[in-house]
Protein backbone atom coordinates (compact mmCIF):
# COMPACT_ATOMS: atom_id res chain seq x y z
CA MET A 1 -1.08 -2.54 23.99
CA LYS A 2 1.83 -3.30 21.68
CA ASN A 3 4.02 -0.74 23.41
CA ARG A 4 3.18 -2.39 26.77
CA ILE A 5 4.30 -5.74 25.38
CA GLY A 6 7.55 -4.13 24.25
CA ILE A 7 8.11 -2.62 27.71
CA ILE A 8 7.51 -6.01 29.34
CA LEU A 9 9.99 -7.65 26.97
CA LEU A 10 12.58 -4.96 27.64
CA SER A 11 12.09 -5.42 31.39
CA GLY A 12 12.65 -9.15 30.94
CA LEU A 13 15.80 -8.43 28.94
CA ILE A 14 17.16 -6.22 31.72
CA PHE A 15 16.40 -8.97 34.25
CA LEU A 16 18.30 -11.47 32.11
CA PHE A 17 21.21 -9.04 31.95
CA SER A 18 21.40 -8.88 35.71
CA SER A 19 21.09 -12.65 36.16
CA CYS A 20 23.68 -13.48 33.52
CA PHE A 21 26.08 -10.89 34.85
CA LEU A 22 25.96 -12.35 38.36
CA THR A 23 26.25 -15.94 37.08
CA ALA A 24 29.05 -15.10 34.69
CA ALA A 25 30.93 -13.19 37.36
CA GLU A 26 31.05 -16.31 39.47
CA GLN A 27 32.16 -18.51 36.55
CA ALA A 28 34.55 -16.02 34.96
CA THR A 29 37.81 -17.28 33.50
CA ASP A 30 40.79 -15.58 31.97
CA SER A 31 38.51 -14.23 29.24
CA ARG A 32 36.80 -11.93 31.73
CA GLY A 33 37.38 -8.24 31.23
CA LYS A 34 37.79 -8.40 27.46
CA LEU A 35 36.31 -5.26 25.89
CA ARG A 36 35.68 -5.00 22.17
CA LEU A 37 34.35 -2.37 19.79
CA GLU A 38 32.25 -3.61 16.87
CA ILE A 39 31.33 -1.64 13.76
CA PHE A 40 28.73 -3.05 11.37
CA SER A 41 26.41 -2.38 8.45
CA GLY A 42 23.91 -4.44 6.52
CA PHE A 43 20.44 -4.70 5.01
CA SER A 44 17.00 -5.37 6.45
CA LEU A 45 14.07 -6.53 4.33
CA VAL A 46 11.04 -4.53 5.53
CA SER A 47 7.55 -3.76 4.29
CA PRO A 48 5.92 -0.82 6.13
CA ALA A 49 2.39 -1.58 4.86
CA ASP A 50 0.64 1.53 6.22
CA PHE A 51 3.35 3.86 4.92
CA ASN A 52 3.45 2.23 1.46
CA GLN A 53 -0.29 2.84 1.06
CA ASN A 54 0.68 6.31 -0.18
CA VAL A 55 2.02 4.76 -3.39
CA ASN A 56 -1.00 2.49 -3.81
CA TYR A 57 -3.29 5.49 -3.30
CA LEU A 58 -1.74 7.51 -6.13
CA LYS A 59 -1.79 4.50 -8.45
CA ALA A 60 -5.46 3.88 -7.67
CA LEU A 61 -6.38 7.53 -8.33
CA ASP A 62 -4.65 7.59 -11.71
CA GLN A 63 -6.19 4.25 -12.68
CA PHE A 64 -9.69 5.42 -11.72
CA PHE A 65 -9.67 8.94 -13.19
CA TYR A 66 -7.88 8.06 -16.42
CA ASP A 67 -7.82 4.38 -17.41
CA ASP A 68 -11.27 3.55 -16.02
CA TYR A 69 -12.76 6.83 -17.22
CA PHE A 70 -11.45 6.45 -20.77
CA ASN A 71 -12.70 2.87 -20.96
CA TYR A 72 -16.09 4.15 -19.82
CA LEU A 73 -16.13 6.80 -22.56
CA LYS A 74 -15.05 4.28 -25.19
CA ASN A 75 -17.87 1.93 -24.17
CA LEU A 76 -20.30 4.82 -24.56
CA SER A 77 -18.90 5.45 -28.03
CA ALA A 78 -20.18 2.06 -29.08
CA LEU A 79 -23.64 3.39 -28.24
CA SER A 80 -22.97 6.62 -30.21
CA ILE A 81 -23.14 8.67 -27.03
CA THR A 82 -19.58 9.95 -27.25
CA HIS A 83 -17.10 10.20 -30.08
CA ILE A 84 -13.92 8.59 -28.74
CA GLU A 85 -12.43 6.26 -31.30
CA SER A 86 -9.53 4.99 -29.16
CA TRP A 87 -7.14 5.87 -26.38
CA ASP A 88 -3.54 4.93 -25.65
CA LYS A 89 -1.22 5.12 -22.64
CA THR A 90 2.57 5.27 -22.36
CA GLN A 91 4.47 5.34 -19.08
CA ASN A 92 8.10 5.96 -18.21
CA GLY A 93 9.42 5.33 -14.72
CA LYS A 94 7.60 3.91 -11.72
CA LEU A 95 6.58 5.11 -8.28
CA GLY A 96 8.51 3.09 -5.71
CA SER A 97 7.61 1.92 -2.22
CA VAL A 98 9.99 1.30 0.69
CA LYS A 99 11.13 -2.34 0.71
CA GLY A 100 14.29 -2.24 2.78
CA VAL A 101 16.44 -0.26 5.20
CA PHE A 102 20.20 -0.16 5.72
CA PRO A 103 21.35 -0.40 9.34
CA PHE A 104 24.72 1.04 10.33
CA GLY A 105 26.13 1.27 13.80
CA ALA A 106 28.57 0.42 16.55
CA ARG A 107 28.50 -1.73 19.66
CA LEU A 108 30.70 -1.83 22.75
CA LYS A 109 30.76 -5.36 24.15
CA TYR A 110 32.14 -6.61 27.46
CA ASP A 111 32.90 -10.32 27.98
CA VAL A 112 31.88 -11.19 31.51
CA SER A 113 32.96 -14.82 30.97
CA ARG A 114 34.11 -17.15 28.19
CA ARG A 115 30.52 -17.62 27.07
CA PHE A 116 28.53 -14.56 28.12
CA GLY A 117 28.81 -10.93 27.10
CA LEU A 118 26.92 -7.68 27.59
CA SER A 119 26.80 -4.81 25.14
CA LEU A 120 25.77 -1.22 24.55
CA GLY A 121 24.98 -0.30 20.96
CA LEU A 122 23.76 2.47 18.72
CA THR A 123 22.21 1.74 15.33
CA TYR A 124 21.07 4.14 12.65
CA LEU A 125 18.83 2.81 9.89
CA SER A 126 17.46 4.44 6.78
CA GLY A 127 15.75 3.52 3.55
CA GLY A 128 13.75 5.15 0.81
CA ARG A 129 13.01 5.71 -2.83
CA THR A 130 13.21 8.81 -5.01
CA ARG A 131 11.66 8.24 -8.39
CA LEU A 132 10.27 9.92 -11.50
CA GLN A 133 7.17 8.78 -13.36
CA GLU A 134 5.64 10.24 -16.51
CA THR A 135 2.37 8.97 -17.95
CA VAL A 136 0.94 10.20 -21.26
CA TYR A 137 -2.67 9.51 -22.29
CA LEU A 138 -3.68 10.12 -25.91
CA ARG A 139 -7.34 10.08 -26.93
CA THR A 140 -8.46 10.05 -30.58
CA HIS A 141 -11.96 11.27 -31.45
CA TYR A 142 -14.03 10.57 -34.57
CA SER A 143 -14.43 14.31 -35.11
CA ASP A 144 -10.79 15.03 -36.06
CA LYS A 145 -9.84 15.85 -32.50
CA ARG A 146 -7.11 14.57 -30.19
CA ASP A 147 -6.47 15.04 -26.49
CA GLN A 148 -3.11 14.52 -24.82
CA GLU A 149 -2.92 14.48 -21.03
CA THR A 150 0.43 14.19 -19.25
CA LEU A 151 0.96 13.34 -15.59
CA LEU A 152 4.49 13.87 -14.30
CA TYR A 153 5.68 13.01 -10.79
CA ASP A 154 9.10 14.61 -10.51
CA PRO A 155 10.30 13.85 -7.96
CA PHE A 156 8.37 11.31 -5.93
CA SER A 157 10.07 10.45 -2.63
CA ALA A 158 9.26 8.10 0.25
CA SER A 159 11.74 7.50 3.06
CA VAL A 160 12.02 6.13 6.61
CA SER A 161 14.78 6.40 9.19
CA GLY A 162 15.42 5.55 12.81
CA MET A 163 17.88 5.51 15.69
CA VAL A 164 18.12 2.64 18.20
CA PRO A 165 20.24 2.80 21.39
CA SER A 166 20.30 -0.75 22.68
CA LEU A 167 21.37 -3.18 25.41
CA GLY A 168 22.43 -6.65 24.35
CA LEU A 169 22.94 -10.08 25.90
CA HIS A 170 25.37 -12.39 24.06
CA TYR A 171 26.21 -16.09 24.30
CA ARG A 172 28.96 -17.67 22.23
CA ILE A 173 30.45 -21.13 21.71
CA PRO A 174 33.95 -21.77 20.26
CA ILE A 175 33.80 -24.36 17.46
CA GLY A 176 37.50 -24.78 16.84
CA GLY A 177 40.41 -22.77 15.60
CA LYS A 178 39.54 -19.13 15.03
CA LEU A 179 35.80 -19.70 14.65
CA GLU A 180 32.97 -19.34 17.12
CA VAL A 181 29.19 -19.14 16.87
CA GLU A 182 27.18 -16.62 18.82
CA THR A 183 23.59 -15.69 19.49
CA TYR A 184 22.31 -12.49 21.02
CA LEU A 185 19.19 -10.59 22.00
CA SER A 186 19.21 -6.81 22.06
CA GLY A 187 16.57 -4.19 22.62
CA GLY A 188 15.91 -0.53 23.18
CA PRO A 189 13.74 2.40 22.14
CA LEU A 190 13.23 3.17 18.45
CA PHE A 191 13.22 6.86 17.51
CA ALA A 192 11.76 6.81 14.01
CA ARG A 193 10.81 9.26 11.28
CA CYS A 194 9.05 8.95 7.96
CA GLU A 195 8.61 11.36 5.06
CA TYR A 196 6.52 11.33 1.93
CA SER A 197 6.60 14.00 -0.78
CA TYR A 198 6.00 14.57 -4.45
CA ALA A 199 5.67 17.27 -7.11
CA ARG A 200 2.89 16.51 -9.61
CA ASN A 201 2.57 18.39 -12.88
CA TYR A 202 -0.47 17.95 -15.11
CA GLU A 203 -0.83 19.19 -18.70
CA TRP A 204 -3.81 18.82 -21.07
CA LYS A 205 -3.38 19.60 -24.76
CA VAL A 206 -6.15 19.59 -27.37
CA PHE A 207 -5.47 19.26 -31.11
CA TYR A 208 -7.97 19.93 -33.94
CA HIS A 209 -7.48 18.79 -37.52
CA ILE A 210 -8.56 21.64 -39.81
CA ASN A 211 -7.88 21.83 -43.55
CA GLY A 212 -5.28 19.08 -43.33
CA ILE A 213 -3.35 20.73 -40.50
CA TRP A 214 -3.28 19.81 -36.79
CA ASN A 215 -3.79 22.92 -34.67
CA GLU A 216 -2.92 23.00 -30.97
CA LEU A 217 -5.00 24.96 -28.48
CA PRO A 218 -3.38 26.59 -25.41
CA ALA A 219 -2.57 23.91 -22.85
CA MET A 220 -4.29 23.64 -19.47
CA THR A 221 -1.91 23.00 -16.57
CA ASP A 222 -2.07 22.18 -12.87
CA GLN A 223 0.78 21.94 -10.37
CA LEU A 224 0.57 20.28 -6.97
CA SER A 225 3.28 19.54 -4.43
CA LEU A 226 2.81 17.69 -1.14
CA GLU A 227 5.13 17.06 1.79
CA GLN A 228 4.24 15.04 4.89
CA LYS A 229 6.62 14.37 7.76
CA GLY A 230 6.10 12.37 10.93
CA GLY A 231 8.00 11.02 13.88
CA GLY A 232 7.46 8.91 16.97
CA THR A 233 8.99 6.55 19.52
CA GLY A 234 8.52 2.79 19.60
CA VAL A 235 10.27 -0.43 20.56
CA SER A 236 13.08 -2.37 18.90
CA LEU A 237 13.94 -5.99 19.75
CA GLU A 238 16.45 -7.99 17.72
CA TRP A 239 17.48 -11.63 17.89
CA ALA A 240 20.32 -12.90 15.70
CA GLY A 241 22.83 -15.66 15.17
CA ARG A 242 26.42 -14.88 14.34
CA LEU A 243 29.60 -16.44 13.03
CA ASN A 244 32.83 -14.88 14.37
CA TYR A 245 36.25 -15.27 12.80
CA ARG A 246 39.31 -14.14 14.75
CA LEU A 247 41.80 -12.38 12.48
CA SER A 248 44.38 -11.65 15.14
CA ARG A 249 44.68 -10.89 18.84
CA LYS A 250 43.25 -7.43 18.16
CA ALA A 251 40.65 -7.90 15.41
CA SER A 252 37.86 -10.17 14.21
CA LEU A 253 35.23 -10.37 11.47
CA PHE A 254 31.60 -11.39 11.92
CA ILE A 255 28.37 -12.04 9.99
CA ASP A 256 24.92 -11.73 11.59
CA ALA A 257 21.54 -13.07 10.46
CA GLY A 258 18.37 -12.52 12.45
CA TYR A 259 15.04 -10.78 12.84
CA ALA A 260 14.26 -7.32 14.20
CA TYR A 261 10.90 -6.34 15.66
CA GLN A 262 10.67 -2.56 15.21
CA LYS A 263 7.35 -0.75 15.44
CA VAL A 264 6.03 2.72 16.24
CA SER A 265 2.30 2.88 16.94
CA ARG A 266 1.89 6.67 17.06
CA ILE A 267 3.29 9.07 14.48
CA SER A 268 2.67 12.81 14.33
CA GLY A 269 4.13 15.73 12.45
CA LYS A 270 3.72 18.67 10.11
CA SER A 271 2.56 18.69 6.50
CA ARG A 272 2.10 21.16 3.69
CA ASP A 273 0.92 21.35 0.11
CA ASN A 274 1.07 23.91 -2.65
CA ARG A 275 -1.41 24.03 -5.50
CA ASN A 276 -0.66 26.52 -8.26
CA GLY A 277 1.09 28.86 -5.83
CA ILE A 278 -1.40 28.59 -2.97
CA GLU A 279 0.18 26.95 0.09
CA SER A 280 -1.51 25.24 3.03
CA ASN A 281 0.06 23.97 6.28
CA TRP A 282 -1.26 21.68 8.99
CA GLU A 283 -0.13 19.19 11.62
CA GLY A 284 -1.52 16.30 13.62
CA VAL A 285 -1.44 12.59 14.37
CA TRP A 286 -1.20 10.25 11.40
CA GLN A 287 -4.14 7.90 10.95
CA VAL A 288 -5.24 5.59 8.15
CA LYS A 289 -7.91 7.45 6.20
CA GLU A 290 -10.60 5.82 4.08
CA GLU A 291 -11.90 7.84 1.12
CA ARG A 292 -14.85 7.07 -1.13
CA ILE A 293 -15.16 8.77 -4.49
CA HIS A 294 -18.45 8.37 -6.39
CA THR A 295 -18.66 9.12 -10.12
CA GLU A 296 -20.85 8.19 -13.07
CA TRP A 297 -18.40 5.45 -14.05
CA GLY A 298 -18.02 3.86 -10.62
CA THR A 299 -16.94 4.19 -6.99
CA LEU A 300 -13.36 4.22 -5.75
CA VAL A 301 -12.58 3.19 -2.16
CA THR A 302 -9.03 3.91 -1.02
CA GLU A 303 -7.00 3.94 2.18
CA ARG A 304 -3.92 6.02 2.93
CA PRO A 305 -2.07 7.52 5.91
CA ASP A 306 -2.82 11.19 6.57
CA ASN A 307 -2.79 13.78 9.34
CA TYR A 308 -5.32 16.11 7.69
CA TRP A 309 -8.72 15.87 9.40
CA PRO A 310 -10.62 19.14 8.91
CA GLU A 311 -13.84 19.76 10.82
CA GLY A 312 -16.97 18.60 9.05
CA ASN A 313 -15.09 16.15 6.81
CA ASP A 314 -16.67 12.89 5.70
CA PHE A 315 -13.47 10.86 5.93
CA VAL A 316 -13.47 7.61 7.87
CA SER A 317 -10.58 6.73 10.19
CA LYS A 318 -9.48 3.10 10.00
CA GLY A 319 -7.27 3.47 13.08
CA ASN A 320 -3.86 4.82 14.02
CA PHE A 321 -1.05 4.66 11.52
CA MET A 322 1.61 2.04 12.32
CA LEU A 323 5.19 2.51 11.17
CA ASP A 324 6.43 -1.08 10.97
CA LEU A 325 10.14 -1.50 10.22
CA SER A 326 10.30 -5.15 11.30
CA GLY A 327 12.05 -7.67 9.11
CA PHE A 328 14.90 -10.08 8.55
CA VAL A 329 18.35 -8.57 8.96
CA LEU A 330 21.75 -9.41 7.51
CA LYS A 331 24.82 -7.61 8.89
CA ALA A 332 28.56 -7.85 8.64
CA GLY A 333 31.27 -6.05 10.51
CA VAL A 334 34.62 -5.91 12.19
CA GLY A 335 35.50 -6.08 15.88
CA PHE A 336 38.49 -4.59 17.68
CA PHE A 337 39.70 -5.90 21.06
CA LEU A 338 40.55 -2.98 23.34
């Protein structure tokens, strides 16, 4: 449905192009025929909610299986059921979600009159985070025993990217001297990709206090790496206002501020994981997966994007994954009159 709306909007944009071109051709002045090349870059504030659920999922798992579990054991200690005296947690680093993308591109614009212009553009956008996070849990028992569990994500990476070929309709008004204001609407297909990966290392050490000396038992370890990639095609529509400043007969500077609607409603791709040297591979369409984990200390309900849906699974699909790169955009650039 959303893609149909985008197609309708793009069709309307093309109709406006045709109408404005015919009108401008009749009203053209000595400005007609001016061709300019614009190069720009900037920043867009985005929040791809479905994609960022990956980070929330890992945080929820660690909270449930460590913090909540240790609090549960400590509460049982008060009833003399277990022997945990206390537990402590230290954390360095932080898993990061995608909060912005950086657009970079070029546009060829043709002035069909003093006020109207048409353009062809190509924009590349990318954004992501690569982080490291280490969490150490230390449990102290009444029976001269200590446990140290270390969770290390190194690296953790989440990234998005896209390419947008676009058509644009421009309208500008001179405001005196070398300044003019401009507004434009541009649109085109969005070819987007997203990638999520991490390497997780777990280590559990046990220490016993015997005859005044702390003795360390052999550590238990677990290694897991995961990589998920997806891609798809959606719609991009951008409206912006601009301030142009003419430097000379051949060059100008400009600043844009606007909003870009950029969504892909179907993402698919390949994934793989490796656990202690055993690798698995799969592929499919990304959906939002609901998982329920039941334990003696509670129930965890989580949602995350995934393309792993084995037969006979008890996962619940909450619908197709949406890669939403919409947001407010700031750009600046330079134009050259050809």
